[in-house]
Amino acid sequence: MSRLERTVRTGPKLRLSADTVLADALLSELVAPGPVLWLVSAWISNVEVLDNTLGEFSAVLGDEQIGRYRLADVLARIVRIGGRVRVVTRPTPHNQLFVDQVRTLVSTDADLAVIFDSVEHEKTMCGRDWMISGSMNFTASGIGTNEEAIRYVVDVAEVAQARLDFKARWGEDR
């Protein structure tokens, strides 16, 4: 696979948002989960990430639900199909709410680990061979309304290095 990289600047002035980039990346993990999906963000909310109201993703999502999917739903689905998910965020009540929402959707033996890090500030989602990083927190404001710069890269070597860095910082088996 050849390297692909794009920086997208979002916000109301440019009339761009990060939702389609995020949806495409998460759909790729639903089709073929990578070794581990990392979600690293100082702030995380249970934001809407996939709009399947017209059923266009039903081949990937199945007939379970036609509608809108939130981040917790998609992460839980990735875990349920055998994926491994690691969430790293700050220990705040806001983030705890999101963590609780994800945990209620997966079984206790699921391969979901949450790491609370009080100095974490990076904003990255890292999948099989792709990575989204930049200034955007994974919140409604970050994805939809704030002016942000996000970098989307598809590169096996760079993504593998990011996963190694995350494992060195937070471990992988928590």
Protein backbone atom coordinates (compact mmCIF):
# COMPACT_ATOMS: atom_id res chain seq x y z
CA MET A 1 0.00 0.00 0.00
CA SER A 2 1.37 3.40 -0.89
CA ARG A 3 1.58 6.25 1.57
CA LEU A 4 -1.32 8.71 1.72
CA GLU A 5 -1.29 11.88 3.80
CA ARG A 6 -3.67 14.78 4.00
CA THR A 7 -4.03 17.66 6.44
CA VAL A 8 -7.56 18.99 6.78
CA ARG A 9 -8.33 22.27 8.46
CA THR A 10 -11.86 22.32 9.78
CA GLY A 11 -14.27 24.88 11.15
CA PRO A 12 -17.21 27.07 10.27
CA LYS A 13 -15.17 29.51 8.17
CA LEU A 14 -14.01 26.71 5.90
CA ARG A 15 -17.29 24.77 6.14
CA LEU A 16 -15.37 21.55 6.74
CA SER A 17 -15.65 19.07 9.57
CA ALA A 18 -13.73 15.95 10.51
CA ASP A 19 -16.76 13.67 10.60
CA THR A 20 -16.32 12.01 7.19
CA VAL A 21 -12.60 11.30 7.72
CA LEU A 22 -13.38 9.78 11.11
CA ALA A 23 -16.32 7.74 9.75
CA ASP A 24 -14.23 6.30 6.91
CA ALA A 25 -11.40 5.35 9.26
CA LEU A 26 -13.73 3.64 11.72
CA LEU A 27 -15.52 1.79 8.92
CA SER A 28 -12.17 0.38 7.80
CA GLU A 29 -11.62 -1.01 11.32
CA LEU A 30 -15.10 -2.52 11.32
CA VAL A 31 -14.31 -4.31 8.07
CA ALA A 32 -10.88 -5.57 9.18
CA PRO A 33 -9.75 -4.69 12.70
CA GLY A 34 -6.05 -4.08 13.10
CA PRO A 35 -3.80 -5.33 15.89
CA VAL A 36 -5.08 -2.66 18.28
CA LEU A 37 -7.11 0.52 17.88
CA TRP A 38 -5.78 3.36 20.00
CA LEU A 39 -7.94 6.37 20.90
CA VAL A 40 -5.82 8.96 22.69
CA SER A 41 -7.45 12.26 23.59
CA ALA A 42 -7.52 14.63 26.56
CA TRP A 43 -11.29 14.98 26.08
CA ILE A 44 -13.65 12.36 24.68
CA SER A 45 -17.42 12.46 24.25
CA ASN A 46 -19.89 9.95 22.90
CA VAL A 47 -20.23 11.82 19.63
CA GLU A 48 -22.06 10.65 16.54
CA VAL A 49 -19.53 9.15 14.14
CA LEU A 50 -21.57 7.16 11.59
CA ASP A 51 -24.84 8.07 9.95
CA ASN A 52 -26.49 4.90 8.67
CA THR A 53 -30.02 6.29 8.47
CA LEU A 54 -30.17 5.41 4.77
CA GLY A 55 -28.63 1.98 5.34
CA GLU A 56 -25.57 2.57 3.15
CA PHE A 57 -23.25 0.92 5.71
CA SER A 58 -25.53 -2.03 6.46
CA ALA A 59 -23.19 -4.41 4.61
CA VAL A 60 -20.56 -3.59 7.26
CA LEU A 61 -22.83 -2.95 10.24
CA GLY A 62 -25.34 -5.72 9.56
CA ASP A 63 -29.08 -5.40 9.99
CA GLU A 64 -28.79 -4.71 13.69
CA GLN A 65 -29.59 -1.03 13.48
CA ILE A 66 -30.32 1.49 10.81
CA GLY A 67 -29.64 4.86 12.30
CA ARG A 68 -26.89 6.90 13.81
CA TYR A 69 -23.95 5.35 15.61
CA ARG A 70 -22.01 7.02 18.38
CA LEU A 71 -18.34 6.56 19.17
CA ALA A 72 -19.05 4.21 22.08
CA ASP A 73 -21.24 2.03 19.80
CA VAL A 74 -18.53 1.72 17.16
CA LEU A 75 -15.72 1.00 19.64
CA ALA A 76 -17.85 -1.64 21.33
CA ARG A 77 -18.69 -3.22 17.98
CA ILE A 78 -14.99 -3.36 17.07
CA VAL A 79 -14.29 -5.15 20.36
CA ARG A 80 -17.22 -7.55 19.85
CA ILE A 81 -15.92 -8.63 16.43
CA GLY A 82 -12.52 -9.45 17.92
CA GLY A 83 -10.72 -6.13 17.80
CA ARG A 84 -8.60 -4.74 20.61
CA VAL A 85 -9.30 -1.18 21.76
CA ARG A 86 -7.20 1.04 24.02
CA VAL A 87 -8.56 4.38 25.22
CA VAL A 88 -6.21 6.87 26.84
CA THR A 89 -7.68 10.02 28.36
CA ARG A 90 -7.52 12.32 31.35
CA PRO A 91 -9.21 11.29 34.60
CA THR A 92 -12.14 13.72 34.56
CA PRO A 93 -15.87 13.20 35.21
CA HIS A 94 -16.54 14.20 31.58
CA ASN A 95 -14.28 11.44 30.22
CA GLN A 96 -15.46 8.93 32.83
CA LEU A 97 -18.98 9.31 31.43
CA PHE A 98 -17.74 8.26 27.99
CA VAL A 99 -15.74 5.35 29.43
CA ASP A 100 -18.80 4.14 31.35
CA GLN A 101 -20.89 4.30 28.15
CA VAL A 102 -18.39 2.12 26.26
CA ARG A 103 -18.02 -0.36 29.11
CA THR A 104 -21.79 -0.92 29.34
CA LEU A 105 -21.79 -2.04 25.69
CA VAL A 106 -19.11 -4.73 25.99
CA SER A 107 -18.75 -7.84 28.11
CA THR A 108 -16.38 -7.85 31.06
CA ASP A 109 -13.91 -10.14 29.28
CA ALA A 110 -13.78 -7.92 26.19
CA ASP A 111 -10.44 -6.65 24.95
CA LEU A 112 -11.06 -3.04 25.94
CA ALA A 113 -8.59 -1.22 28.16
CA VAL A 114 -8.90 2.32 29.49
CA ILE A 115 -5.88 4.19 30.75
CA PHE A 116 -6.34 7.42 32.67
CA ASP A 117 -3.33 9.73 32.41
CA SER A 118 -3.51 13.13 34.11
CA VAL A 119 -0.91 14.73 31.79
CA GLU A 120 -2.12 13.20 28.51
CA HIS A 121 -2.69 15.86 25.87
CA GLU A 122 -2.14 14.14 22.53
CA LYS A 123 -5.08 13.72 20.15
CA THR A 124 -4.74 10.62 18.00
CA MET A 125 -6.77 7.71 16.76
CA CYS A 126 -4.59 4.98 15.36
CA GLY A 127 -5.91 1.91 13.54
CA ARG A 128 -4.62 -0.89 11.36
CA ASP A 129 -2.68 1.15 8.80
CA TRP A 130 -4.11 4.64 9.32
CA MET A 131 -3.87 7.42 11.86
CA ILE A 132 -5.76 10.63 12.58
CA SER A 133 -3.89 13.17 14.69
CA GLY A 134 -3.79 16.89 15.28
CA SER A 135 -5.45 19.49 17.47
CA MET A 136 -8.89 17.87 17.54
CA ASN A 137 -10.26 16.28 20.69
CA PHE A 138 -12.85 13.57 20.06
CA THR A 139 -15.79 15.72 21.15
CA ALA A 140 -18.70 17.38 19.34
CA SER A 141 -16.87 20.70 19.27
CA GLY A 142 -13.61 19.13 18.14
CA ILE A 143 -15.19 17.12 15.33
CA GLY A 144 -17.86 19.54 14.21
CA THR A 145 -17.45 23.18 15.16
CA ASN A 146 -13.98 24.14 16.34
CA GLU A 147 -11.33 25.30 13.95
CA GLU A 148 -8.91 22.40 13.98
CA ALA A 149 -6.08 20.93 11.97
CA ILE A 150 -6.15 17.17 11.59
CA ARG A 151 -3.69 14.99 9.77
CA TYR A 152 -4.90 11.78 8.19
CA VAL A 153 -2.19 9.37 7.16
CA VAL A 154 -2.23 5.87 5.71
CA ASP A 155 1.25 4.42 6.11
CA VAL A 156 2.00 0.99 7.56
CA ALA A 157 5.43 1.95 8.93
CA GLU A 158 4.40 5.25 10.54
CA VAL A 159 1.29 3.73 12.11
CA ALA A 160 3.26 0.74 13.43
CA GLN A 161 5.73 3.16 15.03
CA ALA A 162 2.88 5.08 16.68
CA ARG A 163 1.47 1.85 18.11
CA LEU A 164 4.92 0.95 19.47
CA ASP A 165 5.21 4.41 21.04
CA PHE A 166 1.78 4.08 22.66
CA LYS A 167 2.64 0.62 23.97
CA ALA A 168 5.88 1.97 25.45
CA ARG A 169 3.99 4.84 27.14
CA TRP A 170 0.92 3.02 28.42
CA GLY A 171 1.36 -0.68 27.85
CA GLU A 172 -1.06 -2.66 25.75
CA ASP A 173 -2.42 -5.27 28.07
CA ARG A 174 -4.07 -3.21 30.79
